[in-house]
PDB file of all heavy atoms in Angstrom:
ATOM      1  N   ASP A   1      -3.335 -11.877 -10.375  1.00  0.00           N
ATOM      2  CA  ASP A   1      -2.218 -11.496 -11.233  1.00  0.00           C
ATOM      3  C   ASP A   1      -1.357 -10.403 -10.601  1.00  0.00           C
ATOM      4  O   ASP A   1      -1.876  -9.470  -9.976  1.00  0.00           O
ATOM      5  CB  ASP A   1      -2.728 -10.980 -12.586  1.00  0.00           C
ATOM      6  CG  ASP A   1      -3.277 -12.078 -13.472  1.00  0.00           C
ATOM      7  OD1 ASP A   1      -2.837 -13.236 -13.325  1.00  0.00           O
ATOM      8  OD2 ASP A   1      -4.132 -11.778 -14.331  1.00  0.00           O
ATOM      9  N   TYR A   2      -0.047 -10.512 -10.824  1.00  0.00           N
ATOM     10  CA  TYR A   2       0.893  -9.438 -10.489  1.00  0.00           C
ATOM     11  C   TYR A   2       1.205  -8.672 -11.768  1.00  0.00           C
ATOM     12  O   TYR A   2       1.294  -9.258 -12.850  1.00  0.00           O
ATOM     13  CB  TYR A   2       2.204 -10.008  -9.932  1.00  0.00           C
ATOM     14  CG  TYR A   2       2.118 -10.548  -8.535  1.00  0.00           C
ATOM     15  CD1 TYR A   2       1.840 -11.893  -8.299  1.00  0.00           C
ATOM     16  CD2 TYR A   2       2.325  -9.716  -7.427  1.00  0.00           C
ATOM     17  CE1 TYR A   2       1.770 -12.400  -7.011  1.00  0.00           C
ATOM     18  CE2 TYR A   2       2.260 -10.215  -6.127  1.00  0.00           C
ATOM     19  CZ  TYR A   2       1.978 -11.552  -5.932  1.00  0.00           C
ATOM     20  OH  TYR A   2       1.906 -12.054  -4.648  1.00  0.00           O
ATOM     21  N   PHE A   3       1.431  -7.362 -11.656  1.00  0.00           N
ATOM     22  CA  PHE A   3       1.825  -6.580 -12.819  1.00  0.00           C
ATOM     23  C   PHE A   3       2.592  -5.335 -12.373  1.00  0.00           C
ATOM     24  O   PHE A   3       2.586  -4.967 -11.199  1.00  0.00           O
ATOM     25  CB  PHE A   3       0.607  -6.186 -13.663  1.00  0.00           C
ATOM     26  CG  PHE A   3      -0.324  -5.195 -13.006  1.00  0.00           C
ATOM     27  CD1 PHE A   3      -0.219  -3.828 -13.259  1.00  0.00           C
ATOM     28  CD2 PHE A   3      -1.313  -5.622 -12.114  1.00  0.00           C
ATOM     29  CE1 PHE A   3      -1.068  -2.920 -12.645  1.00  0.00           C
ATOM     30  CE2 PHE A   3      -2.165  -4.718 -11.500  1.00  0.00           C
ATOM     31  CZ  PHE A   3      -2.042  -3.359 -11.760  1.00  0.00           C
ATOM     32  N   GLY A   4       3.260  -4.709 -13.345  1.00  0.00           N
ATOM     33  CA  GLY A   4       4.021  -3.503 -13.063  1.00  0.00           C
ATOM     34  C   GLY A   4       5.437  -3.750 -12.592  1.00  0.00           C
ATOM     35  O   GLY A   4       6.202  -2.804 -12.384  1.00  0.00           O
ATOM     36  N   PHE A   5       5.835  -5.010 -12.439  1.00  0.00           N
ATOM     37  CA  PHE A   5       7.158  -5.308 -11.884  1.00  0.00           C
ATOM     38  C   PHE A   5       8.259  -5.295 -12.943  1.00  0.00           C
ATOM     39  O   PHE A   5       9.425  -5.090 -12.621  1.00  0.00           O
ATOM     40  CB  PHE A   5       7.156  -6.663 -11.167  1.00  0.00           C
ATOM     41  CG  PHE A   5       6.718  -7.817 -12.023  1.00  0.00           C
ATOM     42  CD1 PHE A   5       7.628  -8.494 -12.801  1.00  0.00           C
ATOM     43  CD2 PHE A   5       5.391  -8.227 -12.034  1.00  0.00           C
ATOM     44  CE1 PHE A   5       7.233  -9.565 -13.592  1.00  0.00           C
ATOM     45  CE2 PHE A   5       4.981  -9.297 -12.814  1.00  0.00           C
ATOM     46  CZ  PHE A   5       5.906  -9.958 -13.597  1.00  0.00           C
ATOM     47  N   ARG A   6       7.916  -5.501 -14.205  1.00  0.00           N
ATOM     48  CA  ARG A   6       8.943  -5.517 -15.247  1.00  0.00           C
ATOM     49  C   ARG A   6       9.659  -4.169 -15.316  1.00  0.00           C
ATOM     50  O   ARG A   6      10.888  -4.107 -15.394  1.00  0.00           O
ATOM     51  CB  ARG A   6       8.322  -5.848 -16.612  1.00  0.00           C
ATOM     52  CG  ARG A   6       9.353  -5.942 -17.719  1.00  0.00           C
ATOM     53  CD  ARG A   6       8.740  -6.366 -19.023  1.00  0.00           C
ATOM     54  NE  ARG A   6       7.767  -5.392 -19.505  1.00  0.00           N
ATOM     55  CZ  ARG A   6       7.116  -5.518 -20.661  1.00  0.00           C
ATOM     56  NH1 ARG A   6       7.314  -6.581 -21.411  1.00  0.00           N
ATOM     57  NH2 ARG A   6       6.262  -4.603 -21.037  1.00  0.00           N
ATOM     58  N   THR A   7       8.896  -3.076 -15.277  1.00  0.00           N
ATOM     59  CA  THR A   7       9.506  -1.746 -15.315  1.00  0.00           C
ATOM     60  C   THR A   7      10.271  -1.463 -14.025  1.00  0.00           C
ATOM     61  O   THR A   7      11.381  -0.924 -14.044  1.00  0.00           O
ATOM     62  CB  THR A   7       8.421  -0.674 -15.525  1.00  0.00           C
ATOM     63  OG1 THR A   7       7.715  -0.947 -16.741  1.00  0.00           O
ATOM     64  CG2 THR A   7       9.034   0.708 -15.608  1.00  0.00           C
ATOM     65  N   LEU A   8       9.685  -1.840 -12.888  1.00  0.00           N
ATOM     66  CA  LEU A   8      10.318  -1.594 -11.599  1.00  0.00           C
ATOM     67  C   LEU A   8      11.676  -2.270 -11.502  1.00  0.00           C
ATOM     68  O   LEU A   8      12.649  -1.687 -10.997  1.00  0.00           O
ATOM     69  CB  LEU A   8       9.406  -2.086 -10.473  1.00  0.00           C
ATOM     70  CG  LEU A   8       9.981  -2.023  -9.057  1.00  0.00           C
ATOM     71  CD1 LEU A   8      10.276  -0.578  -8.664  1.00  0.00           C
ATOM     72  CD2 LEU A   8       9.022  -2.670  -8.067  1.00  0.00           C
ATOM     73  N   PHE A   9      11.774  -3.509 -11.981  1.00  0.00           N
ATOM     74  CA  PHE A   9      13.001  -4.279 -11.836  1.00  0.00           C
ATOM     75  C   PHE A   9      13.932  -4.141 -13.045  1.00  0.00           C
ATOM     76  O   PHE A   9      14.944  -4.827 -13.130  1.00  0.00           O
ATOM     77  CB  PHE A   9      12.675  -5.749 -11.603  1.00  0.00           C
ATOM     78  CG  PHE A   9      11.881  -5.988 -10.343  1.00  0.00           C
ATOM     79  CD1 PHE A   9      10.880  -6.954 -10.297  1.00  0.00           C
ATOM     80  CD2 PHE A   9      12.118  -5.230  -9.207  1.00  0.00           C
ATOM     81  CE1 PHE A   9      10.144  -7.170  -9.144  1.00  0.00           C
ATOM     82  CE2 PHE A   9      11.398  -5.436  -8.044  1.00  0.00           C
ATOM     83  CZ  PHE A   9      10.400  -6.405  -8.006  1.00  0.00           C
ATOM     84  N   SER A  10      13.581  -3.267 -13.968  1.00  0.00           N
ATOM     85  CA  SER A  10      14.418  -3.056 -15.152  1.00  0.00           C
ATOM     86  C   SER A  10      15.758  -2.439 -14.756  1.00  0.00           C
ATOM     87  O   SER A  10      15.842  -1.616 -13.846  1.00  0.00           O
ATOM     88  CB  SER A  10      13.699  -2.140 -16.141  1.00  0.00           C
ATOM     89  OG  SER A  10      14.563  -1.759 -17.195  1.00  0.00           O
ATOM     90  N   MET A  11      16.811  -2.808 -15.480  1.00  0.00           N
ATOM     91  CA  MET A  11      18.125  -2.250 -15.221  1.00  0.00           C
ATOM     92  C   MET A  11      18.330  -0.934 -15.966  1.00  0.00           C
ATOM     93  O   MET A  11      19.287  -0.218 -15.712  1.00  0.00           O
ATOM     94  CB  MET A  11      19.207  -3.254 -15.664  1.00  0.00           C
ATOM     95  CG  MET A  11      19.192  -4.567 -14.897  1.00  0.00           C
ATOM     96  SD  MET A  11      19.538  -4.330 -13.126  1.00  0.00           S
ATOM     97  CE  MET A  11      21.253  -3.843 -13.202  1.00  0.00           C
ATOM     98  N   ALA A  12      17.430  -0.635 -16.898  1.00  0.00           N
ATOM     99  CA  ALA A  12      17.600   0.565 -17.711  1.00  0.00           C
ATOM    100  C   ALA A  12      16.460   1.547 -17.479  1.00  0.00           C
ATOM    101  O   ALA A  12      16.436   2.272 -16.490  1.00  0.00           O
ATOM    102  CB  ALA A  12      17.697   0.166 -19.187  1.00  0.00           C
ATOM    103  N   ASN A  13      15.493   1.544 -18.389  1.00  0.00           N
ATOM    104  CA  ASN A  13      14.391   2.509 -18.326  1.00  0.00           C
ATOM    105  C   ASN A  13      13.387   2.102 -17.250  1.00  0.00           C
ATOM    106  O   ASN A  13      12.721   1.077 -17.360  1.00  0.00           O
ATOM    107  CB  ASN A  13      13.704   2.578 -19.693  1.00  0.00           C
ATOM    108  CG  ASN A  13      12.676   3.697 -19.765  1.00  0.00           C
ATOM    109  OD1 ASN A  13      12.334   4.329 -18.753  1.00  0.00           O
ATOM    110  ND2 ASN A  13      12.190   3.960 -20.963  1.00  0.00           N
ATOM    111  N   LYS A  14      13.261   2.921 -16.217  1.00  0.00           N
ATOM    112  CA  LYS A  14      12.331   2.625 -15.133  1.00  0.00           C
ATOM    113  C   LYS A  14      11.071   3.498 -15.221  1.00  0.00           C
ATOM    114  O   LYS A  14      10.497   3.866 -14.198  1.00  0.00           O
ATOM    115  CB  LYS A  14      13.022   2.810 -13.785  1.00  0.00           C
ATOM    116  CG  LYS A  14      14.067   1.726 -13.484  1.00  0.00           C
ATOM    117  CD  LYS A  14      14.627   1.873 -12.082  1.00  0.00           C
ATOM    118  CE  LYS A  14      15.622   0.785 -11.754  1.00  0.00           C
ATOM    119  NZ  LYS A  14      15.009  -0.558 -11.695  1.00  0.00           N
ATOM    120  N   HIS A  15      10.677   3.809 -16.445  1.00  0.00           N
ATOM    121  CA  HIS A  15       9.450   4.570 -16.653  1.00  0.00           C
ATOM    122  C   HIS A  15       8.419   3.646 -17.308  1.00  0.00           C
ATOM    123  O   HIS A  15       8.734   2.932 -18.267  1.00  0.00           O
ATOM    124  CB  HIS A  15       9.706   5.790 -17.541  1.00  0.00           C
ATOM    125  CG  HIS A  15      10.583   6.820 -16.888  1.00  0.00           C
ATOM    126  ND1 HIS A  15      11.961   6.742 -16.945  1.00  0.00           N
ATOM    127  CD2 HIS A  15      10.275   7.927 -16.164  1.00  0.00           C
ATOM    128  CE1 HIS A  15      12.477   7.775 -16.280  1.00  0.00           C
ATOM    129  NE2 HIS A  15      11.482   8.498 -15.790  1.00  0.00           N
ATOM    130  N   TYR A  16       7.207   3.667 -16.783  1.00  0.00           N
ATOM    131  CA  TYR A  16       6.157   2.793 -17.314  1.00  0.00           C
ATOM    132  C   TYR A  16       5.895   3.088 -18.793  1.00  0.00           C
ATOM    133  O   TYR A  16       5.811   4.246 -19.196  1.00  0.00           O
ATOM    134  CB  TYR A  16       4.863   2.983 -16.529  1.00  0.00           C
ATOM    135  CG  TYR A  16       4.916   2.468 -15.098  1.00  0.00           C
ATOM    136  CD1 TYR A  16       4.820   3.348 -14.023  1.00  0.00           C
ATOM    137  CD2 TYR A  16       5.060   1.113 -14.836  1.00  0.00           C
ATOM    138  CE1 TYR A  16       4.863   2.882 -12.713  1.00  0.00           C
ATOM    139  CE2 TYR A  16       5.102   0.636 -13.534  1.00  0.00           C
ATOM    140  CZ  TYR A  16       5.011   1.525 -12.476  1.00  0.00           C
ATOM    141  OH  TYR A  16       5.058   1.061 -11.191  1.00  0.00           O
ATOM    142  N   HIS A  17       5.776   2.035 -19.572  1.00  0.00           N
ATOM    143  CA  HIS A  17       5.534   2.194 -21.009  1.00  0.00           C
ATOM    144  C   HIS A  17       4.046   2.157 -21.340  1.00  0.00           C
ATOM    145  O   HIS A  17       3.676   2.286 -22.509  1.00  0.00           O
ATOM    146  CB  HIS A  17       6.269   1.103 -21.792  1.00  0.00           C
ATOM    147  CG  HIS A  17       5.667  -0.269 -21.642  1.00  0.00           C
ATOM    148  ND1 HIS A  17       5.709  -0.977 -20.466  1.00  0.00           N
ATOM    149  CD2 HIS A  17       4.989  -1.044 -22.528  1.00  0.00           C
ATOM    150  CE1 HIS A  17       5.100  -2.129 -20.628  1.00  0.00           C
ATOM    151  NE2 HIS A  17       4.649  -2.203 -21.861  1.00  0.00           N
ATOM    152  N   CYS A  18       3.198   1.987 -20.315  1.00  0.00           N
ATOM    153  CA  CYS A  18       1.751   1.913 -20.532  1.00  0.00           C
ATOM    154  C   CYS A  18       1.004   2.618 -19.406  1.00  0.00           C
ATOM    155  O   CYS A  18       1.563   2.867 -18.329  1.00  0.00           O
ATOM    156  CB  CYS A  18       1.281   0.456 -20.569  1.00  0.00           C
ATOM    157  SG  CYS A  18       1.814  -0.496 -21.998  1.00  0.00           S
ATOM    158  N   ASP A  19      -0.265   2.907 -19.659  1.00  0.00           N
ATOM    159  CA  ASP A  19      -1.196   3.289 -18.606  1.00  0.00           C
ATOM    160  C   ASP A  19      -1.790   2.010 -18.025  1.00  0.00           C
ATOM    161  O   ASP A  19      -2.117   1.081 -18.775  1.00  0.00           O
ATOM    162  CB  ASP A  19      -2.351   4.135 -19.150  1.00  0.00           C
ATOM    163  CG  ASP A  19      -1.909   5.478 -19.696  1.00  0.00           C
ATOM    164  OD1 ASP A  19      -0.876   5.988 -19.239  1.00  0.00           O
ATOM    165  OD2 ASP A  19      -2.605   6.017 -20.583  1.00  0.00           O
ATOM    166  N   ALA A  20      -1.939   1.957 -16.707  1.00  0.00           N
ATOM    167  CA  ALA A  20      -2.642   0.840 -16.062  1.00  0.00           C
ATOM    168  C   ALA A  20      -3.989   1.372 -15.607  1.00  0.00           C
ATOM    169  O   ALA A  20      -4.068   2.178 -14.678  1.00  0.00           O
ATOM    170  CB  ALA A  20      -1.844   0.306 -14.879  1.00  0.00           C
ATOM    171  N   LYS A  21      -5.049   0.933 -16.282  1.00  0.00           N
ATOM    172  CA  LYS A  21      -6.386   1.490 -16.049  1.00  0.00           C
ATOM    173  C   LYS A  21      -7.361   0.411 -15.589  1.00  0.00           C
ATOM    174  O   LYS A  21      -7.379  -0.700 -16.134  1.00  0.00           O
ATOM    175  CB  LYS A  21      -6.909   2.164 -17.327  1.00  0.00           C
ATOM    176  CG  LYS A  21      -8.245   2.850 -17.169  1.00  0.00           C
ATOM    177  CD  LYS A  21      -8.532   3.775 -18.345  1.00  0.00           C
ATOM    178  CE  LYS A  21      -8.621   3.056 -19.659  1.00  0.00           C
ATOM    179  NZ  LYS A  21      -9.021   3.959 -20.768  1.00  0.00           N
ATOM    180  N   VAL A  22      -8.155   0.739 -14.601  1.00  0.00           N
ATOM    181  CA  VAL A  22      -9.158  -0.190 -14.076  1.00  0.00           C
ATOM    182  C   VAL A  22     -10.318  -0.298 -15.064  1.00  0.00           C
ATOM    183  O   VAL A  22     -10.912   0.712 -15.457  1.00  0.00           O
ATOM    184  CB  VAL A  22      -9.673   0.284 -12.698  1.00  0.00           C
ATOM    185  CG1 VAL A  22     -10.808  -0.616 -12.217  1.00  0.00           C
ATOM    186  CG2 VAL A  22      -8.539   0.311 -11.683  1.00  0.00           C
ATOM    187  N   LEU A  23     -10.651  -1.532 -15.463  1.00  0.00           N
ATOM    188  CA  LEU A  23     -11.765  -1.775 -16.377  1.00  0.00           C
ATOM    189  C   LEU A  23     -13.009  -2.277 -15.652  1.00  0.00           C
ATOM    190  O   LEU A  23     -14.126  -2.003 -16.058  1.00  0.00           O
ATOM    191  CB  LEU A  23     -11.344  -2.786 -17.453  1.00  0.00           C
ATOM    192  CG  LEU A  23     -10.177  -2.357 -18.357  1.00  0.00           C
ATOM    193  CD1 LEU A  23      -9.866  -3.452 -19.367  1.00  0.00           C
ATOM    194  CD2 LEU A  23     -10.487  -1.050 -19.060  1.00  0.00           C
ATOM    195  N   ILE A  24     -12.786  -3.042 -14.588  1.00  0.00           N
ATOM    196  CA  ILE A  24     -13.870  -3.462 -13.703  1.00  0.00           C
ATOM    197  C   ILE A  24     -13.450  -3.073 -12.288  1.00  0.00           C
ATOM    198  O   ILE A  24     -12.292  -3.298 -11.894  1.00  0.00           O
ATOM    199  CB  ILE A  24     -14.109  -4.990 -13.777  1.00  0.00           C
ATOM    200  CG1 ILE A  24     -14.596  -5.398 -15.163  1.00  0.00           C
ATOM    201  CG2 ILE A  24     -15.116  -5.434 -12.723  1.00  0.00           C
ATOM    202  CD1 ILE A  24     -14.821  -6.901 -15.315  1.00  0.00           C
ATOM    203  N   ASP A  25     -14.354  -2.474 -11.527  1.00  0.00           N
ATOM    204  CA  ASP A  25     -14.041  -1.998 -10.171  1.00  0.00           C
ATOM    205  C   ASP A  25     -13.116  -2.982  -9.474  1.00  0.00           C
ATOM    206  O   ASP A  25     -13.389  -4.194  -9.445  1.00  0.00           O
ATOM    207  CB  ASP A  25     -15.317  -1.822  -9.359  1.00  0.00           C
ATOM    208  CG  ASP A  25     -16.190  -0.692  -9.902  1.00  0.00           C
ATOM    209  OD1 ASP A  25     -15.791  -0.051 -10.891  1.00  0.00           O
ATOM    210  OD2 ASP A  25     -17.269  -0.451  -9.332  1.00  0.00           O
ATOM    211  N   ALA A  26     -12.035  -2.448  -8.893  1.00  0.00           N
ATOM    212  CA  ALA A  26     -10.949  -3.322  -8.454  1.00  0.00           C
ATOM    213  C   ALA A  26     -10.534  -3.115  -7.003  1.00  0.00           C
ATOM    214  O   ALA A  26     -10.739  -2.052  -6.415  1.00  0.00           O
ATOM    215  CB  ALA A  26      -9.739  -3.124  -9.360  1.00  0.00           C
ATOM    216  N   GLU A  27      -9.941  -4.176  -6.454  1.00  0.00           N
ATOM    217  CA  GLU A  27      -9.247  -4.161  -5.177  1.00  0.00           C
ATOM    218  C   GLU A  27      -7.800  -4.537  -5.494  1.00  0.00           C
ATOM    219  O   GLU A  27      -7.540  -5.615  -6.043  1.00  0.00           O
ATOM    220  CB  GLU A  27      -9.849  -5.183  -4.209  1.00  0.00           C
ATOM    221  CG  GLU A  27     -11.335  -5.000  -3.934  1.00  0.00           C
ATOM    222  CD  GLU A  27     -11.588  -3.876  -2.928  1.00  0.00           C
ATOM    223  OE1 GLU A  27     -10.694  -3.631  -2.101  1.00  0.00           O
ATOM    224  OE2 GLU A  27     -12.669  -3.271  -2.985  1.00  0.00           O
ATOM    225  N   ILE A  28      -6.877  -3.649  -5.163  1.00  0.00           N
ATOM    226  CA  ILE A  28      -5.483  -3.819  -5.564  1.00  0.00           C
ATOM    227  C   ILE A  28      -4.557  -3.714  -4.350  1.00  0.00           C
ATOM    228  O   ILE A  28      -4.777  -2.893  -3.460  1.00  0.00           O
ATOM    229  CB  ILE A  28      -5.072  -2.737  -6.587  1.00  0.00           C
ATOM    230  CG1 ILE A  28      -5.984  -2.776  -7.820  1.00  0.00           C
ATOM    231  CG2 ILE A  28      -3.604  -2.883  -6.981  1.00  0.00           C
ATOM    232  CD1 ILE A  28      -5.816  -3.980  -8.708  1.00  0.00           C
ATOM    233  N   THR A  29      -3.515  -4.542  -4.334  1.00  0.00           N
ATOM    234  CA  THR A  29      -2.444  -4.408  -3.346  1.00  0.00           C
ATOM    235  C   THR A  29      -1.230  -3.807  -4.046  1.00  0.00           C
ATOM    236  O   THR A  29      -0.750  -4.361  -5.045  1.00  0.00           O
ATOM    237  CB  THR A  29      -2.062  -5.759  -2.732  1.00  0.00           C
ATOM    238  OG1 THR A  29      -3.196  -6.328  -2.076  1.00  0.00           O
ATOM    239  CG2 THR A  29      -0.941  -5.584  -1.709  1.00  0.00           C
ATOM    240  N   ARG A  30      -0.752  -2.690  -3.530  1.00  0.00           N
ATOM    241  CA  ARG A  30       0.454  -2.055  -4.070  1.00  0.00           C
ATOM    242  C   ARG A  30       1.646  -2.487  -3.221  1.00  0.00           C
ATOM    243  O   ARG A  30       1.605  -2.397  -1.994  1.00  0.00           O
ATOM    244  CB  ARG A  30       0.299  -0.530  -4.052  1.00  0.00           C
ATOM    245  CG  ARG A  30       1.467   0.214  -4.713  1.00  0.00           C
ATOM    246  CD  ARG A  30       1.106   1.669  -4.925  1.00  0.00           C
ATOM    247  NE  ARG A  30       0.765   2.317  -3.667  1.00  0.00           N
ATOM    248  CZ  ARG A  30       0.066   3.451  -3.592  1.00  0.00           C
ATOM    249  NH1 ARG A  30      -0.392   4.042  -4.683  1.00  0.00           N
ATOM    250  NH2 ARG A  30      -0.182   3.994  -2.405  1.00  0.00           N
ATOM    251  N   ILE A  31       2.706  -2.966  -3.874  1.00  0.00           N
ATOM    252  CA  ILE A  31       3.867  -3.540  -3.191  1.00  0.00           C
ATOM    253  C   ILE A  31       5.101  -2.716  -3.514  1.00  0.00           C
ATOM    254  O   ILE A  31       5.473  -2.573  -4.685  1.00  0.00           O
ATOM    255  CB  ILE A  31       4.079  -5.003  -3.623  1.00  0.00           C
ATOM    256  CG1 ILE A  31       2.782  -5.809  -3.436  1.00  0.00           C
ATOM    257  CG2 ILE A  31       5.230  -5.638  -2.861  1.00  0.00           C
ATOM    258  CD1 ILE A  31       2.742  -7.087  -4.224  1.00  0.00           C
ATOM    259  N   LYS A  32       5.750  -2.195  -2.480  1.00  0.00           N
ATOM    260  CA  LYS A  32       6.947  -1.378  -2.675  1.00  0.00           C
ATOM    261  C   LYS A  32       8.135  -2.021  -1.976  1.00  0.00           C
ATOM    262  O   LYS A  32       8.228  -2.007  -0.741  1.00  0.00           O
ATOM    263  CB  LYS A  32       6.720   0.032  -2.122  1.00  0.00           C
ATOM    264  CG  LYS A  32       7.897   0.974  -2.364  1.00  0.00           C
ATOM    265  CD  LYS A  32       7.594   2.380  -1.884  1.00  0.00           C
ATOM    266  CE  LYS A  32       8.755   3.326  -2.187  1.00  0.00           C
ATOM    267  NZ  LYS A  32       8.462   4.718  -1.744  1.00  0.00           N
ATOM    268  N   PRO A  33       9.070  -2.612  -2.735  1.00  0.00           N
ATOM    269  CA  PRO A  33      10.267  -3.201  -2.114  1.00  0.00           C
ATOM    270  C   PRO A  33      11.085  -2.131  -1.387  1.00  0.00           C
ATOM    271  O   PRO A  33      11.230  -1.012  -1.887  1.00  0.00           O
ATOM    272  CB  PRO A  33      11.039  -3.767  -3.310  1.00  0.00           C
ATOM    273  CG  PRO A  33       9.998  -3.971  -4.375  1.00  0.00           C
ATOM    274  CD  PRO A  33       9.028  -2.842  -4.188  1.00  0.00           C
ATOM    275  N   ASN A  34      11.602  -2.465  -0.226  1.00  0.00           N
ATOM    276  CA  ASN A  34      12.456  -1.521   0.493  1.00  0.00           C
ATOM    277  C   ASN A  34      13.742  -1.280  -0.285  1.00  0.00           C
ATOM    278  O   ASN A  34      14.122  -0.132  -0.550  1.00  0.00           O
ATOM    279  CB  ASN A  34      12.766  -2.046   1.894  1.00  0.00           C
ATOM    280  CG  ASN A  34      11.506  -2.184   2.737  1.00  0.00           C
ATOM    281  OD1 ASN A  34      10.532  -1.465   2.543  1.00  0.00           O
ATOM    282  ND2 ASN A  34      11.518  -3.131   3.661  1.00  0.00           N
ATOM    283  N   VAL A  35      14.416  -2.361  -0.622  1.00  0.00           N
ATOM    284  CA  VAL A  35      15.596  -2.333  -1.489  1.00  0.00           C
ATOM    285  C   VAL A  35      15.436  -3.508  -2.444  1.00  0.00           C
ATOM    286  O   VAL A  35      15.244  -4.644  -1.999  1.00  0.00           O
ATOM    287  CB  VAL A  35      16.908  -2.458  -0.684  1.00  0.00           C
ATOM    288  CG1 VAL A  35      18.107  -2.481  -1.632  1.00  0.00           C
ATOM    289  CG2 VAL A  35      17.032  -1.332   0.326  1.00  0.00           C
ATOM    290  N   VAL A  36      15.510  -3.247  -3.739  1.00  0.00           N
ATOM    291  CA  VAL A  36      15.220  -4.287  -4.725  1.00  0.00           C
ATOM    292  C   VAL A  36      16.116  -5.514  -4.533  1.00  0.00           C
ATOM    293  O   VAL A  36      15.637  -6.656  -4.562  1.00  0.00           O
ATOM    294  CB  VAL A  36      15.358  -3.728  -6.154  1.00  0.00           C
ATOM    295  CG1 VAL A  36      15.293  -4.857  -7.180  1.00  0.00           C
ATOM    296  CG2 VAL A  36      14.257  -2.716  -6.435  1.00  0.00           C
ATOM    297  N   SER A  37      17.408  -5.322  -4.343  1.00  0.00           N
ATOM    298  CA  SER A  37      18.329  -6.451  -4.199  1.00  0.00           C
ATOM    299  C   SER A  37      17.988  -7.298  -2.970  1.00  0.00           C
ATOM    300  O   SER A  37      18.028  -8.536  -3.014  1.00  0.00           O
ATOM    301  CB  SER A  37      19.779  -5.953  -4.107  1.00  0.00           C
ATOM    302  OG  SER A  37      19.935  -5.062  -3.009  1.00  0.00           O
ATOM    303  N   GLU A  38      17.602  -6.640  -1.877  1.00  0.00           N
ATOM    304  CA  GLU A  38      17.216  -7.368  -0.675  1.00  0.00           C
ATOM    305  C   GLU A  38      15.871  -8.076  -0.871  1.00  0.00           C
ATOM    306  O   GLU A  38      15.655  -9.181  -0.348  1.00  0.00           O
ATOM    307  CB  GLU A  38      17.142  -6.416   0.513  1.00  0.00           C
ATOM    308  CG  GLU A  38      18.495  -5.865   0.940  1.00  0.00           C
ATOM    309  CD  GLU A  38      18.388  -4.941   2.144  1.00  0.00           C
ATOM    310  OE1 GLU A  38      17.262  -4.789   2.673  1.00  0.00           O
ATOM    311  OE2 GLU A  38      19.425  -4.391   2.562  1.00  0.00           O
ATOM    312  N   PHE A  39      14.977  -7.447  -1.612  1.00  0.00           N
ATOM    313  CA  PHE A  39      13.684  -8.080  -1.900  1.00  0.00           C
ATOM    314  C   PHE A  39      13.892  -9.396  -2.627  1.00  0.00           C
ATOM    315  O   PHE A  39      13.302 -10.422  -2.285  1.00  0.00           O
ATOM    316  CB  PHE A  39      12.824  -7.127  -2.724  1.00  0.00           C
ATOM    317  CG  PHE A  39      11.502  -7.712  -3.133  1.00  0.00           C
ATOM    318  CD1 PHE A  39      10.419  -7.693  -2.270  1.00  0.00           C
ATOM    319  CD2 PHE A  39      11.339  -8.295  -4.384  1.00  0.00           C
ATOM    320  CE1 PHE A  39       9.195  -8.239  -2.641  1.00  0.00           C
ATOM    321  CE2 PHE A  39      10.117  -8.847  -4.771  1.00  0.00           C
ATOM    322  CZ  PHE A  39       9.046  -8.816  -3.891  1.00  0.00           C
ATOM    323  N   PHE A  40      14.745  -9.396  -3.663  1.00  0.00           N
ATOM    324  CA  PHE A  40      15.029 -10.621  -4.406  1.00  0.00           C
ATOM    325  C   PHE A  40      15.712 -11.660  -3.517  1.00  0.00           C
ATOM    326  O   PHE A  40      15.394 -12.849  -3.576  1.00  0.00           O
ATOM    327  CB  PHE A  40      15.909 -10.319  -5.618  1.00  0.00           C
ATOM    328  CG  PHE A  40      15.168  -9.715  -6.770  1.00  0.00           C
ATOM    329  CD1 PHE A  40      15.668  -8.617  -7.445  1.00  0.00           C
ATOM    330  CD2 PHE A  40      13.960 -10.243  -7.202  1.00  0.00           C
ATOM    331  CE1 PHE A  40      14.996  -8.064  -8.521  1.00  0.00           C
ATOM    332  CE2 PHE A  40      13.269  -9.704  -8.277  1.00  0.00           C
ATOM    333  CZ  PHE A  40      13.790  -8.606  -8.930  1.00  0.00           C
ATOM    334  N   ALA A  41      16.653 -11.220  -2.697  1.00  0.00           N
ATOM    335  CA  ALA A  41      17.424 -12.145  -1.866  1.00  0.00           C
ATOM    336  C   ALA A  41      16.559 -12.855  -0.833  1.00  0.00           C
ATOM    337  O   ALA A  41      16.798 -14.024  -0.516  1.00  0.00           O
ATOM    338  CB  ALA A  41      18.556 -11.389  -1.166  1.00  0.00           C
ATOM    339  N   HIS A  42      15.525 -12.183  -0.330  1.00  0.00           N
ATOM    340  CA  HIS A  42      14.692 -12.755   0.725  1.00  0.00           C
ATOM    341  C   HIS A  42      13.352 -13.305   0.207  1.00  0.00           C
ATOM    342  O   HIS A  42      12.542 -13.801   0.995  1.00  0.00           O
ATOM    343  CB  HIS A  42      14.431 -11.709   1.809  1.00  0.00           C
ATOM    344  CG  HIS A  42      15.648 -11.358   2.596  1.00  0.00           C
ATOM    345  ND1 HIS A  42      16.555 -10.402   2.185  1.00  0.00           N
ATOM    346  CD2 HIS A  42      16.143 -11.852   3.772  1.00  0.00           C
ATOM    347  CE1 HIS A  42      17.538 -10.304   3.076  1.00  0.00           C
ATOM    348  NE2 HIS A  42      17.310 -11.169   4.042  1.00  0.00           N
ATOM    349  N   ASN A  43      13.126 -13.205  -1.086  1.00  0.00           N
ATOM    350  CA  ASN A  43      11.889 -13.732  -1.680  1.00  0.00           C
ATOM    351  C   ASN A  43      12.235 -14.530  -2.935  1.00  0.00           C
ATOM    352  O   ASN A  43      11.776 -14.237  -4.037  1.00  0.00           O
ATOM    353  CB  ASN A  43      10.935 -12.585  -2.034  1.00  0.00           C
ATOM    354  CG  ASN A  43      10.493 -11.788  -0.830  1.00  0.00           C
ATOM    355  OD1 ASN A  43       9.603 -12.187  -0.088  1.00  0.00           O
ATOM    356  ND2 ASN A  43      11.109 -10.622  -0.630  1.00  0.00           N
ATOM    357  N   THR A  44      13.040 -15.573  -2.736  1.00  0.00           N
ATOM    358  CA  THR A  44      13.563 -16.321  -3.881  1.00  0.00           C
ATOM    359  C   THR A  44      12.473 -17.047  -4.666  1.00  0.00           C
ATOM    360  O   THR A  44      12.519 -17.094  -5.896  1.00  0.00           O
ATOM    361  CB  THR A  44      14.614 -17.336  -3.413  1.00  0.00           C
ATOM    362  OG1 THR A  44      14.041 -18.185  -2.399  1.00  0.00           O
ATOM    363  CG2 THR A  44      15.835 -16.629  -2.848  1.00  0.00           C
ATOM    364  N   VAL A  45      11.498 -17.593  -3.970  1.00  0.00           N
ATOM    365  CA  VAL A  45      10.414 -18.300  -4.674  1.00  0.00           C
ATOM    366  C   VAL A  45       9.592 -17.309  -5.485  1.00  0.00           C
ATOM    367  O   VAL A  45       9.198 -17.584  -6.625  1.00  0.00           O
ATOM    368  CB  VAL A  45       9.514 -19.056  -3.671  1.00  0.00           C
ATOM    369  CG1 VAL A  45       8.355 -19.731  -4.410  1.00  0.00           C
ATOM    370  CG2 VAL A  45      10.323 -20.105  -2.918  1.00  0.00           C
TER     371      VAL A  45
END
């Protein structure tokens, strides 16, 4: 699953509305777009 992108790509409030807490020990990939518009343009699928 992907998560956390709705707030990141929001046009208005870019502050998380929730805590994201690990419930079962996790391995996570954190993804930071260089420029959001370029990220969308080069990752259409």
